[in-house]
C-alpha atoms as a PDB file:
ATOM      1  CA  UNK A   1       9.034  15.373 -60.330  1.00  0.00           C
ATOM      2  CA  UNK A   2       9.592  18.754 -59.783  1.00  0.00           C
ATOM      3  CA  UNK A   3       6.154  21.038 -59.066  1.00  0.00           C
ATOM      4  CA  UNK A   4       5.442  23.198 -61.522  1.00  0.00           C
ATOM      5  CA  UNK A   5       1.536  22.483 -61.495  1.00  0.00           C
ATOM      6  CA  UNK A   6       0.628  25.872 -61.171  1.00  0.00           C
ATOM      7  CA  UNK A   7       3.049  28.035 -63.176  1.00  0.00           C
ATOM      8  CA  UNK A   8       0.691  28.239 -66.026  1.00  0.00           C
ATOM      9  CA  UNK A   9      -3.519  28.871 -65.088  1.00  0.00           C
ATOM     10  CA  UNK A  10      -5.090  26.652 -63.511  1.00  0.00           C
ATOM     11  CA  UNK A  11      -8.573  26.190 -64.762  1.00  0.00           C
ATOM     12  CA  UNK A  12     -10.282  23.757 -61.748  1.00  0.00           C
ATOM     13  CA  UNK A  13     -10.377  23.482 -58.169  1.00  0.00           C
ATOM     14  CA  UNK A  14      -7.291  21.572 -56.498  1.00  0.00           C
ATOM     15  CA  UNK A  15      -7.789  17.811 -56.006  1.00  0.00           C
ATOM     16  CA  UNK A  16      -5.089  15.030 -55.767  1.00  0.00           C
ATOM     17  CA  UNK A  17      -5.249  13.634 -59.135  1.00  0.00           C
ATOM     18  CA  UNK A  18      -2.925  11.991 -61.701  1.00  0.00           C
ATOM     19  CA  UNK A  19      -1.635  15.153 -62.158  1.00  0.00           C
ATOM     20  CA  UNK A  20      -0.821  16.181 -58.516  1.00  0.00           C
ATOM     21  CA  UNK A  21       0.253  12.758 -57.776  1.00  0.00           C
ATOM     22  CA  UNK A  22       3.035  13.203 -60.280  1.00  0.00           C
ATOM     23  CA  UNK A  23       4.879  15.977 -58.185  1.00  0.00           C
ATOM     24  CA  UNK A  24       3.388  15.653 -54.521  1.00  0.00           C
ATOM     25  CA  UNK A  25       6.751  15.024 -53.162  1.00  0.00           C
ATOM     26  CA  UNK A  26       7.955  17.752 -54.316  1.00  0.00           C
ATOM     27  CA  UNK A  27       5.280  19.898 -53.607  1.00  0.00           C
ATOM     28  CA  UNK A  28       4.976  18.809 -50.112  1.00  0.00           C
ATOM     29  CA  UNK A  29       8.717  19.218 -49.555  1.00  0.00           C
ATOM     30  CA  UNK A  30       8.141  22.997 -50.579  1.00  0.00           C
ATOM     31  CA  UNK A  31       5.428  23.946 -49.415  1.00  0.00           C
ATOM     32  CA  UNK A  32       4.831  22.787 -46.481  1.00  0.00           C
ATOM     33  CA  UNK A  33       7.497  24.627 -43.306  1.00  0.00           C
ATOM     34  CA  UNK A  34       9.653  21.398 -41.993  1.00  0.00           C
ATOM     35  CA  UNK A  35       7.534  18.770 -43.565  1.00  0.00           C
ATOM     36  CA  UNK A  36      10.255  16.194 -43.243  1.00  0.00           C
ATOM     37  CA  UNK A  37      11.041  16.506 -39.734  1.00  0.00           C
ATOM     38  CA  UNK A  38       7.347  16.230 -38.950  1.00  0.00           C
ATOM     39  CA  UNK A  39       7.238  13.061 -40.472  1.00  0.00           C
ATOM     40  CA  UNK A  40      10.399  12.181 -38.242  1.00  0.00           C
ATOM     41  CA  UNK A  41       8.629  13.625 -35.207  1.00  0.00           C
ATOM     42  CA  UNK A  42       5.363  11.976 -35.688  1.00  0.00           C
ATOM     43  CA  UNK A  43       6.558   8.721 -36.738  1.00  0.00           C
ATOM     44  CA  UNK A  44       9.154   8.702 -33.106  1.00  0.00           C
ATOM     45  CA  UNK A  45       6.232   9.552 -31.333  1.00  0.00           C
ATOM     46  CA  UNK A  46       3.819   6.347 -32.847  1.00  0.00           C
ATOM     47  CA  UNK A  47       6.964   4.043 -32.172  1.00  0.00           C
ATOM     48  CA  UNK A  48       6.498   4.511 -28.291  1.00  0.00           C
ATOM     49  CA  UNK A  49       2.643   3.770 -28.575  1.00  0.00           C
ATOM     50  CA  UNK A  50       3.397   0.396 -30.684  1.00  0.00           C
ATOM     51  CA  UNK A  51       1.749  -2.975 -29.401  1.00  0.00           C
ATOM     52  CA  UNK A  52       1.925  -6.231 -30.850  1.00  0.00           C
ATOM     53  CA  UNK A  53      -0.743  -7.434 -33.356  1.00  0.00           C
ATOM     54  CA  UNK A  54      -2.232  -3.658 -33.304  1.00  0.00           C
ATOM     55  CA  UNK A  55      -2.474  -1.375 -36.230  1.00  0.00           C
ATOM     56  CA  UNK A  56      -1.377   2.228 -37.420  1.00  0.00           C
ATOM     57  CA  UNK A  57      -3.555   4.042 -39.491  1.00  0.00           C
ATOM     58  CA  UNK A  58      -2.327   6.835 -42.020  1.00  0.00           C
ATOM     59  CA  UNK A  59      -5.599   8.541 -43.177  1.00  0.00           C
ATOM     60  CA  UNK A  60      -4.773  10.639 -46.098  1.00  0.00           C
ATOM     61  CA  UNK A  61      -1.403   8.894 -46.882  1.00  0.00           C
ATOM     62  CA  UNK A  62      -0.572  10.306 -50.518  1.00  0.00           C
ATOM     63  CA  UNK A  63       2.452   8.544 -51.440  1.00  0.00           C
ATOM     64  CA  UNK A  64       3.150   6.659 -48.323  1.00  0.00           C
ATOM     65  CA  UNK A  65       6.103   9.460 -46.869  1.00  0.00           C
ATOM     66  CA  UNK A  66       4.781   8.823 -43.111  1.00  0.00           C
ATOM     67  CA  UNK A  67       4.577   5.021 -43.330  1.00  0.00           C
ATOM     68  CA  UNK A  68       7.349   4.383 -45.220  1.00  0.00           C
ATOM     69  CA  UNK A  69       9.699   6.885 -42.808  1.00  0.00           C
ATOM     70  CA  UNK A  70       7.823   4.638 -39.906  1.00  0.00           C
ATOM     71  CA  UNK A  71       8.693   1.327 -41.312  1.00  0.00           C
ATOM     72  CA  UNK A  72      12.720   2.297 -42.164  1.00  0.00           C
ATOM     73  CA  UNK A  73      12.394   2.541 -38.017  1.00  0.00           C
ATOM     74  CA  UNK A  74      10.669  -0.901 -37.155  1.00  0.00           C
ATOM     75  CA  UNK A  75      12.625  -3.766 -35.667  1.00  0.00           C
ATOM     76  CA  UNK A  76       9.861  -6.049 -36.413  1.00  0.00           C
ATOM     77  CA  UNK A  77       6.840  -6.811 -38.207  1.00  0.00           C
ATOM     78  CA  UNK A  78       4.197  -7.441 -35.572  1.00  0.00           C
ATOM     79  CA  UNK A  79       2.507  -4.124 -36.137  1.00  0.00           C
ATOM     80  CA  UNK A  80       0.085  -3.744 -39.183  1.00  0.00           C
ATOM     81  CA  UNK A  81       0.753  -0.496 -41.123  1.00  0.00           C
ATOM     82  CA  UNK A  82      -2.280   0.462 -43.644  1.00  0.00           C
ATOM     83  CA  UNK A  83      -2.364   3.996 -45.423  1.00  0.00           C
ATOM     84  CA  UNK A  84      -5.667   5.067 -46.513  1.00  0.00           C
ATOM     85  CA  UNK A  85      -6.304   7.382 -48.944  1.00  0.00           C
ATOM     86  CA  UNK A  86      -9.424   8.055 -51.873  1.00  0.00           C
ATOM     87  CA  UNK A  87      -6.692   8.933 -54.619  1.00  0.00           C
ATOM     88  CA  UNK A  88      -6.103   6.108 -56.793  1.00  0.00           C
ATOM     89  CA  UNK A  89      -2.778   7.756 -58.391  1.00  0.00           C
ATOM     90  CA  UNK A  90      -1.544   8.635 -54.866  1.00  0.00           C
ATOM     91  CA  UNK A  91      -2.186   5.074 -54.109  1.00  0.00           C
ATOM     92  CA  UNK A  92      -0.300   3.227 -56.769  1.00  0.00           C
ATOM     93  CA  UNK A  93       2.631   5.538 -56.340  1.00  0.00           C
ATOM     94  CA  UNK A  94       2.621   4.646 -52.772  1.00  0.00           C
ATOM     95  CA  UNK A  95       2.561   0.930 -53.167  1.00  0.00           C
ATOM     96  CA  UNK A  96       5.544   1.251 -55.956  1.00  0.00           C
ATOM     97  CA  UNK A  97       7.552   3.452 -53.110  1.00  0.00           C
ATOM     98  CA  UNK A  98       6.720   0.691 -50.126  1.00  0.00           C
ATOM     99  CA  UNK A  99       8.091  -2.246 -52.827  1.00  0.00           C
ATOM    100  CA  UNK A 100      11.156  -0.876 -54.126  1.00  0.00           C
ATOM    101  CA  UNK A 101      12.083  -0.079 -49.926  1.00  0.00           C
ATOM    102  CA  UNK A 102      11.202  -3.614 -49.522  1.00  0.00           C
ATOM    103  CA  UNK A 103       8.832  -2.530 -47.000  1.00  0.00           C
ATOM    104  CA  UNK A 104       5.860  -4.433 -45.786  1.00  0.00           C
ATOM    105  CA  UNK A 105       2.416  -1.828 -45.871  1.00  0.00           C
ATOM    106  CA  UNK A 106      -1.050  -2.081 -46.968  1.00  0.00           C
ATOM    107  CA  UNK A 107      -2.319   0.703 -49.163  1.00  0.00           C
ATOM    108  CA  UNK A 108      -6.206   1.280 -49.678  1.00  0.00           C
ATOM    109  CA  UNK A 109      -7.753   3.250 -51.868  1.00  0.00           C
ATOM    110  CA  UNK A 110     -10.822   4.013 -50.073  1.00  0.00           C
ATOM    111  CA  UNK A 111     -12.562   7.080 -48.983  1.00  0.00           C
ATOM    112  CA  UNK A 112     -10.984   7.259 -44.957  1.00  0.00           C
ATOM    113  CA  UNK A 113     -14.640   8.799 -44.246  1.00  0.00           C
ATOM    114  CA  UNK A 114     -15.970   5.662 -44.359  1.00  0.00           C
ATOM    115  CA  UNK A 115     -12.513   3.336 -43.776  1.00  0.00           C
ATOM    116  CA  UNK A 116     -13.291   0.925 -40.471  1.00  0.00           C
ATOM    117  CA  UNK A 117     -10.923   2.311 -37.878  1.00  0.00           C
ATOM    118  CA  UNK A 118     -10.393  -0.880 -34.913  1.00  0.00           C
ATOM    119  CA  UNK A 119      -7.614  -2.249 -33.023  1.00  0.00           C
ATOM    120  CA  UNK A 120      -5.229   0.533 -33.496  1.00  0.00           C
ATOM    121  CA  UNK A 121      -2.299   1.876 -31.392  1.00  0.00           C
ATOM    122  CA  UNK A 122      -1.821   4.720 -33.557  1.00  0.00           C
ATOM    123  CA  UNK A 123      -3.425   6.881 -36.059  1.00  0.00           C
ATOM    124  CA  UNK A 124      -2.161   9.695 -38.244  1.00  0.00           C
ATOM    125  CA  UNK A 125      -3.675  12.355 -40.458  1.00  0.00           C
ATOM    126  CA  UNK A 126      -1.034  14.452 -41.699  1.00  0.00           C
ATOM    127  CA  UNK A 127      -2.522  17.668 -43.315  1.00  0.00           C
ATOM    128  CA  UNK A 128      -6.144  15.747 -44.085  1.00  0.00           C
ATOM    129  CA  UNK A 129      -8.235  16.951 -41.874  1.00  0.00           C
ATOM    130  CA  UNK A 130      -8.425  20.293 -43.277  1.00  0.00           C
ATOM    131  CA  UNK A 131      -9.768  18.615 -46.407  1.00  0.00           C
ATOM    132  CA  UNK A 132     -12.396  17.183 -44.478  1.00  0.00           C
ATOM    133  CA  UNK A 133     -16.007  19.283 -44.408  1.00  0.00           C
ATOM    134  CA  UNK A 134     -16.555  20.675 -40.738  1.00  0.00           C
ATOM    135  CA  UNK A 135     -19.592  18.464 -40.312  1.00  0.00           C
ATOM    136  CA  UNK A 136     -17.788  15.072 -41.446  1.00  0.00           C
ATOM    137  CA  UNK A 137     -14.680  16.435 -39.529  1.00  0.00           C
ATOM    138  CA  UNK A 138     -16.403  16.420 -36.099  1.00  0.00           C
ATOM    139  CA  UNK A 139     -17.602  12.785 -36.723  1.00  0.00           C
ATOM    140  CA  UNK A 140     -14.051  11.155 -38.305  1.00  0.00           C
ATOM    141  CA  UNK A 141     -12.150  12.507 -34.620  1.00  0.00           C
ATOM    142  CA  UNK A 142     -15.203  10.855 -32.989  1.00  0.00           C
ATOM    143  CA  UNK A 143     -14.428   7.701 -35.014  1.00  0.00           C
ATOM    144  CA  UNK A 144     -10.855   7.787 -34.396  1.00  0.00           C
ATOM    145  CA  UNK A 145     -11.066   7.742 -30.752  1.00  0.00           C
ATOM    146  CA  UNK A 146     -13.523   4.990 -30.559  1.00  0.00           C
ATOM    147  CA  UNK A 147     -10.541   2.810 -33.226  1.00  0.00           C
ATOM    148  CA  UNK A 148      -8.031   3.590 -30.646  1.00  0.00           C
ATOM    149  CA  UNK A 149      -7.172   1.461 -28.169  1.00  0.00           C
ATOM    150  CA  UNK A 150      -6.575   2.437 -24.011  1.00  0.00           C
ATOM    151  CA  UNK A 151      -3.577   4.528 -24.544  1.00  0.00           C
ATOM    152  CA  UNK A 152      -3.449   5.069 -28.250  1.00  0.00           C
ATOM    153  CA  UNK A 153      -2.261   8.271 -29.889  1.00  0.00           C
ATOM    154  CA  UNK A 154      -4.148  10.294 -32.737  1.00  0.00           C
ATOM    155  CA  UNK A 155      -1.517  12.215 -34.511  1.00  0.00           C
ATOM    156  CA  UNK A 156      -2.778  15.309 -36.752  1.00  0.00           C
ATOM    157  CA  UNK A 157      -0.963  18.029 -38.653  1.00  0.00           C
ATOM    158  CA  UNK A 158      -2.863  21.187 -40.044  1.00  0.00           C
ATOM    159  CA  UNK A 159      -2.473  24.139 -41.436  1.00  0.00           C
ATOM    160  CA  UNK A 160      -4.004  26.680 -39.443  1.00  0.00           C
ATOM    161  CA  UNK A 161      -5.534  30.085 -38.655  1.00  0.00           C
ATOM    162  CA  UNK A 162      -5.219  32.767 -35.931  1.00  0.00           C
ATOM    163  CA  UNK A 163      -7.760  34.068 -34.397  1.00  0.00           C
ATOM    164  CA  UNK A 164      -6.496  37.465 -34.166  1.00  0.00           C
ATOM    165  CA  UNK A 165      -6.880  38.907 -37.489  1.00  0.00           C
ATOM    166  CA  UNK A 166      -3.826  40.915 -37.667  1.00  0.00           C
ATOM    167  CA  UNK A 167      -1.200  38.001 -36.538  1.00  0.00           C
ATOM    168  CA  UNK A 168      -3.472  35.667 -38.820  1.00  0.00           C
ATOM    169  CA  UNK A 169      -2.781  37.872 -41.745  1.00  0.00           C
ATOM    170  CA  UNK A 170       1.070  38.238 -41.062  1.00  0.00           C
ATOM    171  CA  UNK A 171       1.415  34.797 -40.425  1.00  0.00           C
ATOM    172  CA  UNK A 172      -0.078  33.747 -44.018  1.00  0.00           C
ATOM    173  CA  UNK A 173       2.092  36.562 -45.562  1.00  0.00           C
ATOM    174  CA  UNK A 174       5.483  35.036 -43.620  1.00  0.00           C
ATOM    175  CA  UNK A 175       4.510  31.950 -45.079  1.00  0.00           C
ATOM    176  CA  UNK A 176       4.235  33.420 -48.369  1.00  0.00           C
ATOM    177  CA  UNK A 177       7.720  33.975 -48.000  1.00  0.00           C
ATOM    178  CA  UNK A 178       8.651  31.019 -47.309  1.00  0.00           C
ATOM    179  CA  UNK A 179       7.421  29.582 -50.269  1.00  0.00           C
ATOM    180  CA  UNK A 180       9.122  31.921 -52.500  1.00  0.00           C
ATOM    181  CA  UNK A 181      12.344  30.716 -50.950  1.00  0.00           C
ATOM    182  CA  UNK A 182      11.756  27.588 -51.360  1.00  0.00           C
ATOM    183  CA  UNK A 183      11.323  28.566 -55.418  1.00  0.00           C
ATOM    184  CA  UNK A 184       7.909  29.239 -55.762  1.00  0.00           C
ATOM    185  CA  UNK A 185       6.951  32.564 -58.208  1.00  0.00           C
ATOM    186  CA  UNK A 186       4.477  34.905 -57.100  1.00  0.00           C
ATOM    187  CA  UNK A 187       1.727  33.961 -59.457  1.00  0.00           C
ATOM    188  CA  UNK A 188       2.276  30.155 -58.642  1.00  0.00           C
ATOM    189  CA  UNK A 189       1.449  30.995 -54.692  1.00  0.00           C
ATOM    190  CA  UNK A 190      -1.806  33.156 -55.608  1.00  0.00           C
ATOM    191  CA  UNK A 191      -3.024  30.398 -58.593  1.00  0.00           C
ATOM    192  CA  UNK A 192      -2.779  27.704 -55.921  1.00  0.00           C
ATOM    193  CA  UNK A 193      -4.176  29.414 -52.735  1.00  0.00           C
ATOM    194  CA  UNK A 194      -7.144  29.971 -55.606  1.00  0.00           C
ATOM    195  CA  UNK A 195      -7.462  26.154 -56.745  1.00  0.00           C
ATOM    196  CA  UNK A 196      -7.892  25.533 -52.985  1.00  0.00           C
ATOM    197  CA  UNK A 197     -10.375  28.136 -51.741  1.00  0.00           C
ATOM    198  CA  UNK A 198     -13.151  26.588 -50.413  1.00  0.00           C
ATOM    199  CA  UNK A 199     -11.430  23.105 -50.933  1.00  0.00           C
ATOM    200  CA  UNK A 200      -8.967  23.616 -47.951  1.00  0.00           C
ATOM    201  CA  UNK A 201     -10.992  25.030 -44.727  1.00  0.00           C
ATOM    202  CA  UNK A 202      -8.616  25.244 -41.764  1.00  0.00           C
ATOM    203  CA  UNK A 203      -9.369  25.603 -37.958  1.00  0.00           C
ATOM    204  CA  UNK A 204      -7.308  27.414 -35.592  1.00  0.00           C
ATOM    205  CA  UNK A 205      -5.030  25.671 -33.051  1.00  0.00           C
ATOM    206  CA  UNK A 206      -8.024  26.884 -30.222  1.00  0.00           C
ATOM    207  CA  UNK A 207     -10.590  24.630 -32.870  1.00  0.00           C
ATOM    208  CA  UNK A 208      -8.700  22.191 -33.661  1.00  0.00           C
ATOM    209  CA  UNK A 209      -8.051  21.612 -29.802  1.00  0.00           C
ATOM    210  CA  UNK A 210     -11.694  21.785 -28.875  1.00  0.00           C
ATOM    211  CA  UNK A 211     -12.712  19.343 -31.507  1.00  0.00           C
ATOM    212  CA  UNK A 212     -10.672  16.687 -30.449  1.00  0.00           C
ATOM    213  CA  UNK A 213     -11.344  17.184 -26.944  1.00  0.00           C
ATOM    214  CA  UNK A 214     -15.489  16.908 -28.118  1.00  0.00           C
ATOM    215  CA  UNK A 215     -14.609  13.995 -29.732  1.00  0.00           C
ATOM    216  CA  UNK A 216     -13.444  12.180 -26.119  1.00  0.00           C
ATOM    217  CA  UNK A 217      -9.626  13.094 -25.943  1.00  0.00           C
ATOM    218  CA  UNK A 218      -8.627  14.253 -22.589  1.00  0.00           C
ATOM    219  CA  UNK A 219      -5.002  14.713 -23.231  1.00  0.00           C
ATOM    220  CA  UNK A 220      -3.818  17.265 -26.048  1.00  0.00           C
ATOM    221  CA  UNK A 221      -0.830  18.653 -26.697  1.00  0.00           C
ATOM    222  CA  UNK A 222       0.874  20.576 -29.329  1.00  0.00           C
ATOM    223  CA  UNK A 223       4.136  18.654 -30.914  1.00  0.00           C
ATOM    224  CA  UNK A 224       4.902  21.016 -33.205  1.00  0.00           C
ATOM    225  CA  UNK A 225       4.063  24.668 -34.520  1.00  0.00           C
ATOM    226  CA  UNK A 226       5.800  26.966 -37.067  1.00  0.00           C
ATOM    227  CA  UNK A 227       3.655  30.132 -38.130  1.00  0.00           C
ATOM    228  CA  UNK A 228       0.117  28.865 -39.574  1.00  0.00           C
ATOM    229  CA  UNK A 229       1.091  25.169 -39.722  1.00  0.00           C
ATOM    230  CA  UNK A 230       1.218  22.604 -36.809  1.00  0.00           C
ATOM    231  CA  UNK A 231       0.805  18.816 -35.783  1.00  0.00           C
ATOM    232  CA  UNK A 232      -1.251  17.766 -32.581  1.00  0.00           C
ATOM    233  CA  UNK A 233      -0.947  14.712 -30.359  1.00  0.00           C
ATOM    234  CA  UNK A 234      -3.693  13.495 -28.509  1.00  0.00           C
ATOM    235  CA  UNK A 235      -3.937  10.329 -26.508  1.00  0.00           C
ATOM    236  CA  UNK A 236      -6.970   7.989 -25.136  1.00  0.00           C
ATOM    237  CA  UNK A 237      -6.235   7.526 -21.559  1.00  0.00           C
END
């Protein structure tokens, strides 16, 4: 379904409810630069970290796009795939898609802040951490580190700020131009920005790297970057 959620005045804060879930796939494809390509890139690196009888967790899995991408590249069922999201509407759609594609993926409706992460070869959080309050964000990163096996990886994709205020403004303007190129109107762009205010709290690239290092990750690298969007990969050595 086409995302026209913000074509009329939006009278509440943004939340991942039934309304958003119904248009999420279109929203993600048109709002996140190189969304499909970044999922493929993440899947390629997760594939290299897989170990038999371990787990891959997708935190804030939404409609299951990443795990479906990964499942399509697996040649066996020796790894357990788990998607966690606190939106029942998202989980329902993820389950239906997995069933339609014949993929064995467990989708769990639960707050991932309280979810037990254990025996993990990989944890992924695509455009998820930015919705977690800063104090809880650091604690979550530490729990992810503890739940990973040695050699395991954590991949996180985020919208990011820039410490240089002039460049930050220019990057935001370029992103808005990108959204216009995808068919969003100026009113839709402004309406969504207002709905996300104080809900999506982005860190800078440097702040994200520092958070991961403080959580125990010694190896942190930029996997992908486009203007104010980026993907980081951290390995538990």
